[in-house]
């Protein structure tokens, strides 16, 4: 069974940093694009970033203002989301996703409908 698992969430103070990890079981991620999304209470799930299978191509939501960085280590079967200068508005459940088909993110990378496989998410809480 193909599964994605996120980890690395937690409680952090404003201005702090966290690094989220996404790994898989049942298949490896190395030939697939992977996206990161988040969903805050009462809000829709939003696309944050996407990385191509090789890691050469990356995409980010404009709203992140350069605070987040996506990367991957295919040897470790892991995709990362480094989050810096965290704000209370970043509080959300963070998800990684893939469709187990595409190597490239494509123009619709930020749309949830383009990803069919999701992890259960990891909670990030930014609070003093």
Foldseek 3Di string as FASTA:
>chain_A
DKAKAKDWADEAAAQAKIKMKIAIPPDFCLQWKKWKWWDDPPGDIWTAKIAFSPRPDMDGDVVLVPQWDWGDDRVVSMIMIIGGRDDQVPWTWMKMFTQVPGRDCDPCNTDPVRTDHIHPTDTHGYHD
